[in-house]
Amino acid sequence: MNVALYHNLPSGGARRGMVEMAKGLVARGHVVDEYCPATADVSFLPLAGTVRRLKILPFRAYGVCPRRLPLLTPYVTAARLCADLGRLSRLSRQAAREIDAGGYDVVFSHDCQLAQNPAVLRFVRTPSLHYCHHGARAHLSQAERSSNPGRGVLEGAKRAYYAAPRALYPWLLTREARQNIECATLVATNSQFSVESLFRVYGVGSRVCFYGIDSSTFRPMGLERDGFVLSVGALHVYKGYRFLVRALGRIPSAKRPRLLIAANSTEPDERTIIEALASEHGVPLAITCVRDDEELARLYNRAAAFVYAPVMEPWGLAPVEAMACGTPVVAVAEGGVRESVVHGETGLLTERDEREFAGALSAVLADAGLARRLGTAGLSRARGLFTWHRTVDRVEELMAAARG
């Protein structure tokens, strides 16, 4: 098949998944062309040399207001973000015309970091398979983002004054995302949890296509475990690092491990909050930027345990990568991790309770036999169920179904 691969992805798990799917399709004889707006991060796991060609569509997002304007910042930001959606929609219409003229058999679309689901789906006439990575994630409320949301007459007046601009963009974004995904010929996603979320939020049916892992990279290396615990993912509020720091702070100081966060991207404000929390709770913390798979695999192999606490993560590649390296997983039982990690067999799952999480992690760190048993079972599960070969099998099946 001739495939038009369309996305607007940043670095991270969604980009990794898309790249592995594209590589698998090309290896099986399909011809793939990559289309994306200039806001996509094509430097992370680039597909040069794999796809036939890369077409970058010129686009520069206005984004949030870059400076504070008293009484006006939320209004200006809302206007800029809404304008971005309109401009991206017009760009997508042009891209759809080019794709339709290219004689492709199917459009294989992926998430848009600005519109969630890409607007090209509304305009393209070629049959489309949309892989929805975000799974309609329920993001944290504003109250979750701040430990002091503020009360009183003045705060009430401020909330009322800013209510309209703060509501406008989320409303428009949700409407746009729903309209876009409704136009896909077929929708795939990464977990049964995401299937349910997509139906609840967008009212669309979808089919599960699990991610895989590269077992030639993420593998046991025989390295000595260094005693730290590892968490992997972008340093954003919804990744749950605040919870992890507070949970580790409940472990007695003499037994408290160092927390290493390997992040592919960082929100500066969130980093400041995490570092302050770690200092407050006496948690040894290191944050490093890792974009190289071999380096990341070595970190998994050196960690005493992998800890994971994102809020309603649709799937989560990192726990599967950890299992593939034979590293025991301790995670909050939310979202897709409940489908990848088997509690008591390949890892330990807890409620979002700091004491319970600290107890589970302490048990793994104190019992070498338990850690070894969980790691061995996790390795077997990751290699048996979550491979890119199986993922690409499913993608081919779904593309054929989209074509009818």
Protein backbone atom coordinates (compact mmCIF):
# COMPACT_ATOMS: atom_id res chain seq x y z
CA MET A 1 0.00 0.00 0.00
CA ASN A 2 0.94 3.64 -0.50
CA VAL A 3 0.48 5.31 2.89
CA ALA A 4 0.28 9.00 3.79
CA LEU A 5 1.51 9.25 7.38
CA TYR A 6 0.14 12.43 8.98
CA HIS A 7 0.85 13.75 12.49
CA ASN A 8 1.78 16.74 14.62
CA LEU A 9 3.63 15.02 17.45
CA PRO A 10 6.20 16.24 19.97
CA SER A 11 8.98 13.99 21.25
CA GLY A 12 7.86 11.20 23.55
CA GLY A 13 5.97 7.93 23.57
CA ALA A 14 3.42 8.80 20.90
CA ARG A 15 6.18 9.77 18.47
CA ARG A 16 8.09 6.61 19.35
CA GLY A 17 5.01 4.48 18.67
CA MET A 18 4.33 6.15 15.33
CA VAL A 19 7.96 5.76 14.24
CA GLU A 20 8.02 2.04 15.06
CA MET A 21 4.76 1.48 13.19
CA ALA A 22 6.10 3.34 10.15
CA LYS A 23 9.35 1.36 10.20
CA GLY A 24 7.43 -1.89 10.42
CA LEU A 25 5.20 -0.96 7.50
CA VAL A 26 8.17 -0.01 5.31
CA ALA A 27 9.97 -3.24 6.22
CA ARG A 28 6.95 -5.15 4.90
CA GLY A 29 7.02 -3.40 1.53
CA HIS A 30 4.58 -0.54 2.07
CA VAL A 31 5.55 2.91 0.76
CA VAL A 32 5.20 5.65 3.39
CA ASP A 33 5.33 9.43 2.98
CA GLU A 34 5.39 11.58 6.14
CA TYR A 35 3.36 14.80 6.36
CA CYS A 36 3.42 17.11 9.38
CA PRO A 37 3.20 20.78 10.37
CA ALA A 38 6.47 22.47 11.33
CA THR A 39 5.44 22.29 15.01
CA ALA A 40 6.06 18.51 15.00
CA ASP A 41 9.37 17.32 16.46
CA VAL A 42 10.91 15.41 13.55
CA SER A 43 14.35 15.47 15.20
CA PHE A 44 13.24 12.91 17.81
CA LEU A 45 13.64 9.42 16.31
CA PRO A 46 13.69 10.81 12.75
CA LEU A 47 12.25 8.74 9.91
CA ALA A 48 14.76 9.97 7.32
CA GLY A 49 15.94 6.98 5.35
CA THR A 50 12.78 5.07 6.20
CA VAL A 51 9.96 7.07 4.62
CA ARG A 52 10.07 7.90 0.93
CA ARG A 53 9.78 11.59 1.64
CA LEU A 54 9.02 14.06 4.42
CA LYS A 55 6.74 17.01 3.73
CA ILE A 56 6.89 19.66 6.45
CA LEU A 57 3.95 22.05 6.24
CA PRO A 58 4.90 25.64 7.17
CA PHE A 59 3.22 26.61 10.42
CA ARG A 60 4.19 28.65 13.44
CA ALA A 61 1.86 28.56 16.42
CA TYR A 62 1.06 31.76 18.28
CA GLY A 63 0.74 29.81 21.55
CA VAL A 64 0.16 31.39 24.94
CA CYS A 65 0.74 35.09 25.54
CA PRO A 66 4.54 35.44 25.98
CA ARG A 67 4.35 38.23 28.57
CA ARG A 68 2.07 39.27 31.38
CA LEU A 69 -0.54 41.89 30.52
CA PRO A 70 -2.43 42.97 33.64
CA LEU A 71 -6.11 41.95 33.43
CA LEU A 72 -5.68 40.87 29.81
CA THR A 73 -3.30 37.88 29.72
CA PRO A 74 -5.96 35.10 29.76
CA TYR A 75 -8.01 36.95 27.12
CA VAL A 76 -5.01 37.38 24.82
CA THR A 77 -3.94 33.77 25.36
CA ALA A 78 -7.43 32.47 24.56
CA ALA A 79 -7.51 34.54 21.37
CA ARG A 80 -4.08 33.30 20.29
CA LEU A 81 -4.89 29.62 20.95
CA CYS A 82 -8.24 29.83 19.19
CA ALA A 83 -6.55 31.50 16.24
CA ASP A 84 -4.04 28.64 16.11
CA LEU A 85 -6.88 26.13 15.72
CA GLY A 86 -8.36 28.13 12.83
CA ARG A 87 -5.01 28.54 11.08
CA LEU A 88 -4.18 24.86 11.54
CA SER A 89 -7.54 23.91 10.08
CA ARG A 90 -6.82 25.92 6.94
CA LEU A 91 -3.38 24.34 6.66
CA SER A 92 -4.95 20.90 7.04
CA ARG A 93 -7.36 21.58 4.19
CA GLN A 94 -4.39 22.30 1.92
CA ALA A 95 -2.60 19.17 3.12
CA ALA A 96 -5.69 17.06 2.46
CA ARG A 97 -5.84 18.28 -1.14
CA GLU A 98 -2.20 17.32 -1.65
CA ILE A 99 -2.71 13.90 -0.06
CA ASP A 100 -5.82 13.17 -2.11
CA ALA A 101 -3.94 14.13 -5.27
CA GLY A 102 -1.08 11.80 -4.32
CA GLY A 103 -2.95 8.58 -5.06
CA TYR A 104 -2.51 7.08 -1.60
CA ASP A 105 -4.39 3.96 -0.54
CA VAL A 106 -4.84 5.13 3.05
CA VAL A 107 -4.09 8.04 5.37
CA PHE A 108 -2.51 6.80 8.61
CA SER A 109 -2.97 9.75 10.96
CA HIS A 110 -1.75 10.27 14.52
CA ASP A 111 -2.30 12.85 17.24
CA CYS A 112 -1.97 16.60 16.87
CA GLN A 113 -0.35 18.39 19.80
CA LEU A 114 -2.48 21.47 19.08
CA ALA A 115 -5.85 20.02 18.06
CA GLN A 116 -5.60 16.58 19.74
CA ASN A 117 -7.07 14.87 16.66
CA PRO A 118 -5.76 16.26 13.35
CA ALA A 119 -8.05 18.46 11.28
CA VAL A 120 -6.83 16.77 8.09
CA LEU A 121 -9.36 14.01 8.87
CA ARG A 122 -12.21 16.46 8.15
CA PHE A 123 -10.99 17.28 4.69
CA VAL A 124 -9.31 14.22 3.24
CA ARG A 125 -11.29 11.96 0.88
CA THR A 126 -8.79 9.10 0.98
CA PRO A 127 -9.76 6.33 3.46
CA SER A 128 -8.20 7.02 6.85
CA LEU A 129 -7.03 5.07 9.88
CA HIS A 130 -6.53 7.39 12.84
CA TYR A 131 -4.38 6.14 15.71
CA CYS A 132 -5.47 8.13 18.76
CA HIS A 133 -2.58 8.04 21.21
CA HIS A 134 -3.98 10.49 23.75
CA GLY A 135 -7.04 8.37 24.43
CA ALA A 136 -9.09 11.43 25.49
CA ARG A 137 -7.04 11.77 28.65
CA ALA A 138 -8.82 13.62 31.47
CA HIS A 139 -6.31 16.32 32.42
CA LEU A 140 -5.87 17.65 35.90
CA SER A 141 -8.22 20.37 37.02
CA GLN A 142 -6.84 23.77 37.90
CA ALA A 143 -7.28 22.91 41.57
CA GLU A 144 -4.95 19.92 41.16
CA ARG A 145 -2.31 22.19 39.66
CA SER A 146 -2.19 24.45 42.67
CA SER A 147 -1.97 23.61 46.34
CA ASN A 148 -3.46 27.03 47.15
CA PRO A 149 -6.30 27.79 44.74
CA GLY A 150 -7.32 30.83 46.75
CA ARG A 151 -10.56 31.82 48.42
CA GLY A 152 -12.41 34.93 49.44
CA VAL A 153 -14.21 37.76 47.72
CA LEU A 154 -11.22 38.96 45.70
CA GLU A 155 -10.35 35.49 44.43
CA GLY A 156 -13.99 34.87 43.59
CA ALA A 157 -14.13 38.07 41.58
CA LYS A 158 -10.93 37.15 39.72
CA ARG A 159 -12.28 33.71 38.88
CA ALA A 160 -15.49 35.24 37.56
CA TYR A 161 -13.60 37.83 35.50
CA TYR A 162 -11.37 35.22 33.90
CA ALA A 163 -14.02 32.50 33.55
CA ALA A 164 -14.93 33.28 29.93
CA PRO A 165 -11.43 33.21 28.37
CA ARG A 166 -10.45 30.16 30.40
CA ALA A 167 -13.53 28.28 29.21
CA LEU A 168 -13.52 29.38 25.56
CA TYR A 169 -10.41 27.59 24.30
CA PRO A 170 -11.08 24.22 26.03
CA TRP A 171 -14.63 24.28 24.65
CA LEU A 172 -13.44 25.06 21.12
CA LEU A 173 -10.63 22.50 21.33
CA THR A 174 -12.99 19.73 22.45
CA ARG A 175 -15.46 20.59 19.70
CA GLU A 176 -12.70 20.61 17.08
CA ALA A 177 -11.21 17.33 18.31
CA ARG A 178 -14.63 15.66 18.25
CA GLN A 179 -15.43 16.89 14.73
CA ASN A 180 -12.06 15.70 13.47
CA ILE A 181 -12.14 12.21 14.92
CA GLU A 182 -15.75 11.67 13.80
CA CYS A 183 -14.54 11.98 10.20
CA ALA A 184 -11.95 9.18 10.44
CA THR A 185 -12.87 6.05 8.49
CA LEU A 186 -11.57 3.92 11.36
CA VAL A 187 -10.08 4.75 14.77
CA ALA A 188 -7.48 2.73 16.64
CA THR A 189 -6.05 3.35 20.10
CA ASN A 190 -3.60 1.88 22.59
CA SER A 191 -5.69 0.19 25.30
CA GLN A 192 -9.16 -0.91 26.29
CA PHE A 193 -9.13 1.96 28.77
CA SER A 194 -8.64 4.36 25.84
CA VAL A 195 -11.45 2.69 23.86
CA GLU A 196 -13.82 3.47 26.71
CA SER A 197 -12.46 7.02 27.15
CA LEU A 198 -12.83 7.84 23.45
CA PHE A 199 -16.42 6.69 23.42
CA ARG A 200 -17.22 8.62 26.58
CA VAL A 201 -15.60 11.88 25.41
CA TYR A 202 -16.09 11.82 21.63
CA GLY A 203 -18.84 9.25 21.14
CA VAL A 204 -16.77 7.22 18.66
CA GLY A 205 -15.98 3.53 18.58
CA SER A 206 -12.36 2.41 18.25
CA ARG A 207 -10.23 -0.72 18.17
CA VAL A 208 -7.29 -1.68 20.35
CA CYS A 209 -3.80 -1.85 18.88
CA PHE A 210 -1.24 -2.27 21.66
CA TYR A 211 2.18 -0.66 21.49
CA GLY A 212 5.25 -2.84 21.37
CA ILE A 213 8.84 -2.44 22.53
CA ASP A 214 12.16 -3.01 20.81
CA SER A 215 13.51 -5.99 22.74
CA SER A 216 16.90 -5.67 21.05
CA THR A 217 17.34 -2.31 22.81
CA PHE A 218 15.26 -2.70 25.95
CA ARG A 219 16.76 -5.88 27.36
CA PRO A 220 18.56 -7.16 30.46
CA MET A 221 22.20 -6.03 30.28
CA GLY A 222 23.55 -7.68 33.42
CA LEU A 223 24.40 -4.29 34.97
CA GLU A 224 24.63 -3.85 38.72
CA ARG A 225 21.56 -2.29 40.30
CA ASP A 226 22.53 1.08 41.79
CA GLY A 227 19.77 1.45 44.39
CA PHE A 228 17.94 4.42 42.85
CA VAL A 229 14.36 4.29 41.60
CA LEU A 230 13.61 5.50 38.10
CA SER A 231 10.67 7.25 36.50
CA VAL A 232 10.51 8.16 32.82
CA GLY A 233 8.46 10.72 30.91
CA ALA A 234 7.99 14.39 30.17
CA LEU A 235 8.26 16.61 33.25
CA HIS A 236 4.64 17.77 33.16
CA VAL A 237 2.08 18.05 35.94
CA TYR A 238 -0.07 15.13 34.73
CA LYS A 239 2.88 12.71 34.89
CA GLY A 240 2.41 12.42 38.65
CA TYR A 241 5.92 13.29 39.84
CA ARG A 242 4.54 15.35 42.71
CA PHE A 243 2.80 12.24 44.00
CA LEU A 244 5.98 10.18 43.63
CA VAL A 245 8.05 12.68 45.62
CA ARG A 246 5.49 12.81 48.42
CA ALA A 247 5.22 8.99 48.45
CA LEU A 248 8.99 8.54 48.66
CA GLY A 249 9.02 11.08 51.48
CA ARG A 250 6.96 8.62 53.54
CA ILE A 251 9.72 6.01 53.40
CA PRO A 252 11.99 6.25 56.48
CA SER A 253 14.99 8.43 55.64
CA ALA A 254 17.49 5.65 56.31
CA LYS A 255 15.85 3.52 53.61
CA ARG A 256 14.66 6.26 51.27
CA PRO A 257 16.00 5.77 47.72
CA ARG A 258 17.14 8.44 45.32
CA LEU A 259 14.59 9.30 42.63
CA LEU A 260 15.92 9.73 39.10
CA ILE A 261 13.55 11.27 36.55
CA ALA A 262 14.56 10.73 32.93
CA ALA A 263 12.61 13.33 30.95
CA ASN A 264 12.50 13.96 27.23
CA SER A 265 11.00 17.43 27.79
CA THR A 266 10.51 19.72 30.77
CA GLU A 267 8.10 22.40 31.91
CA PRO A 268 10.36 24.82 33.84
CA ASP A 269 7.66 25.74 36.38
CA GLU A 270 6.92 22.08 37.07
CA ARG A 271 10.60 21.33 37.55
CA THR A 272 10.82 24.12 40.13
CA ILE A 273 7.82 22.68 41.99
CA ILE A 274 9.20 19.13 41.93
CA GLU A 275 12.62 20.22 43.17
CA ALA A 276 11.04 22.27 45.99
CA LEU A 277 8.86 19.30 47.00
CA ALA A 278 11.86 16.99 47.04
CA SER A 279 13.74 19.39 49.29
CA GLU A 280 10.72 19.74 51.58
CA HIS A 281 10.25 15.96 51.91
CA GLY A 282 13.93 15.05 52.07
CA VAL A 283 13.88 13.04 48.83
CA PRO A 284 17.21 12.81 46.96
CA LEU A 285 16.32 13.84 43.42
CA ALA A 286 18.08 13.98 40.07
CA ILE A 287 16.47 15.06 36.78
CA THR A 288 18.16 14.26 33.50
CA CYS A 289 17.25 14.70 29.86
CA VAL A 290 17.41 11.41 27.96
CA ARG A 291 16.61 11.11 24.26
CA ASP A 292 18.85 8.16 23.40
CA ASP A 293 17.31 4.68 23.67
CA GLU A 294 20.51 2.87 24.62
CA GLU A 295 21.16 5.33 27.44
CA LEU A 296 17.57 4.94 28.62
CA ALA A 297 17.86 1.14 28.55
CA ARG A 298 20.97 1.35 30.73
CA LEU A 299 19.06 3.43 33.27
CA TYR A 300 16.27 0.84 33.39
CA ASN A 301 18.90 -1.84 33.97
CA ARG A 302 20.64 0.04 36.76
CA ALA A 303 17.47 1.04 38.63
CA ALA A 304 16.37 -0.98 41.66
CA ALA A 305 12.76 -0.38 40.64
CA PHE A 306 10.70 1.59 38.16
CA VAL A 307 8.02 3.88 39.63
CA TYR A 308 5.09 5.25 37.65
CA ALA A 309 2.20 7.51 38.62
CA PRO A 310 0.76 9.53 35.68
CA VAL A 311 -2.86 10.60 35.95
CA MET A 312 -4.99 8.34 33.74
CA GLU A 313 -2.18 7.65 31.24
CA PRO A 314 -3.88 6.00 28.23
CA TRP A 315 -1.17 3.36 27.85
CA GLY A 316 2.38 4.16 28.92
CA LEU A 317 5.37 2.69 27.12
CA ALA A 318 7.77 3.20 30.00
CA PRO A 319 6.44 0.41 32.29
CA VAL A 320 6.66 -2.08 29.40
CA GLU A 321 10.21 -0.93 28.59
CA ALA A 322 11.11 -1.39 32.27
CA MET A 323 9.63 -4.90 32.26
CA ALA A 324 11.56 -5.72 29.08
CA CYS A 325 14.74 -4.83 30.99
CA GLY A 326 13.79 -7.11 33.88
CA THR A 327 13.14 -4.19 36.24
CA PRO A 328 10.29 -4.52 38.78
CA VAL A 329 7.49 -1.98 38.36
CA VAL A 330 5.56 -0.17 41.10
CA ALA A 331 2.72 1.90 39.63
CA VAL A 332 -0.55 3.63 40.41
CA ALA A 333 -3.38 1.47 39.10
CA GLU A 334 -4.89 3.95 36.65
CA GLY A 335 -5.35 3.96 32.90
CA GLY A 336 -3.56 1.59 30.56
CA VAL A 337 -0.93 0.36 33.04
CA ARG A 338 -3.59 -1.98 34.43
CA GLU A 339 -3.46 -3.80 31.08
CA SER A 340 0.32 -4.02 30.81
CA VAL A 341 1.33 -4.75 34.42
CA VAL A 342 -0.17 -7.72 36.25
CA HIS A 343 -0.39 -6.92 39.97
CA GLY A 344 1.63 -9.30 42.10
CA GLU A 345 3.08 -11.03 39.05
CA THR A 346 5.02 -8.53 36.94
CA GLY A 347 4.81 -5.57 39.31
CA LEU A 348 2.85 -4.02 42.14
CA LEU A 349 -0.15 -1.72 41.53
CA THR A 350 -1.58 0.57 44.20
CA GLU A 351 -4.28 3.15 44.64
CA ARG A 352 -3.24 6.80 44.39
CA ASP A 353 -2.37 6.74 48.06
CA GLU A 354 1.06 7.89 49.18
CA ARG A 355 1.30 5.50 52.14
CA GLU A 356 0.20 2.48 50.11
CA PHE A 357 2.61 3.32 47.28
CA ALA A 358 5.49 3.85 49.71
CA GLY A 359 4.73 0.49 51.32
CA ALA A 360 4.70 -1.34 47.99
CA LEU A 361 7.96 0.25 46.87
CA SER A 362 9.60 -0.46 50.23
CA ALA A 363 8.63 -4.13 49.92
CA VAL A 364 10.29 -4.40 46.50
CA LEU A 365 13.44 -2.60 47.65
CA ALA A 366 13.76 -4.70 50.81
CA ASP A 367 13.12 -8.12 49.26
CA ALA A 368 15.61 -9.09 46.55
CA GLY A 369 13.70 -12.29 45.85
CA LEU A 370 10.45 -10.41 45.24
CA ALA A 371 12.20 -7.88 42.98
CA ARG A 372 13.83 -10.68 41.00
CA ARG A 373 10.56 -12.61 40.64
CA LEU A 374 8.64 -9.54 39.44
CA GLY A 375 11.43 -8.60 37.04
CA THR A 376 11.65 -12.07 35.52
CA ALA A 377 7.89 -12.34 35.00
CA GLY A 378 7.76 -8.82 33.58
CA LEU A 379 10.47 -9.66 31.06
CA SER A 380 8.54 -12.72 29.90
CA ARG A 381 5.28 -10.76 29.55
CA ALA A 382 6.86 -7.86 27.66
CA ARG A 383 8.64 -10.13 25.18
CA GLY A 384 5.62 -12.35 24.67
CA LEU A 385 2.80 -9.82 24.27
CA PHE A 386 4.15 -6.37 23.51
CA THR A 387 6.25 -6.52 20.35
CA TRP A 388 6.28 -4.13 17.41
CA HIS A 389 5.83 -7.11 15.09
CA ARG A 390 2.44 -7.80 16.65
CA THR A 391 1.60 -4.09 16.56
CA VAL A 392 2.34 -3.82 12.83
CA ASP A 393 0.30 -6.97 12.18
CA ARG A 394 -2.64 -5.19 13.76
CA VAL A 395 -1.98 -1.93 11.88
CA GLU A 396 -2.02 -3.77 8.54
CA GLU A 397 -5.27 -5.46 9.48
CA LEU A 398 -6.87 -2.14 10.43
CA MET A 399 -5.64 -0.31 7.32
CA ALA A 400 -7.17 -3.03 5.18
CA ALA A 401 -10.44 -2.63 7.08
CA ALA A 402 -10.37 1.15 6.60
CA ARG A 403 -10.03 0.67 2.84
CA GLY A 404 -13.07 -1.62 2.92
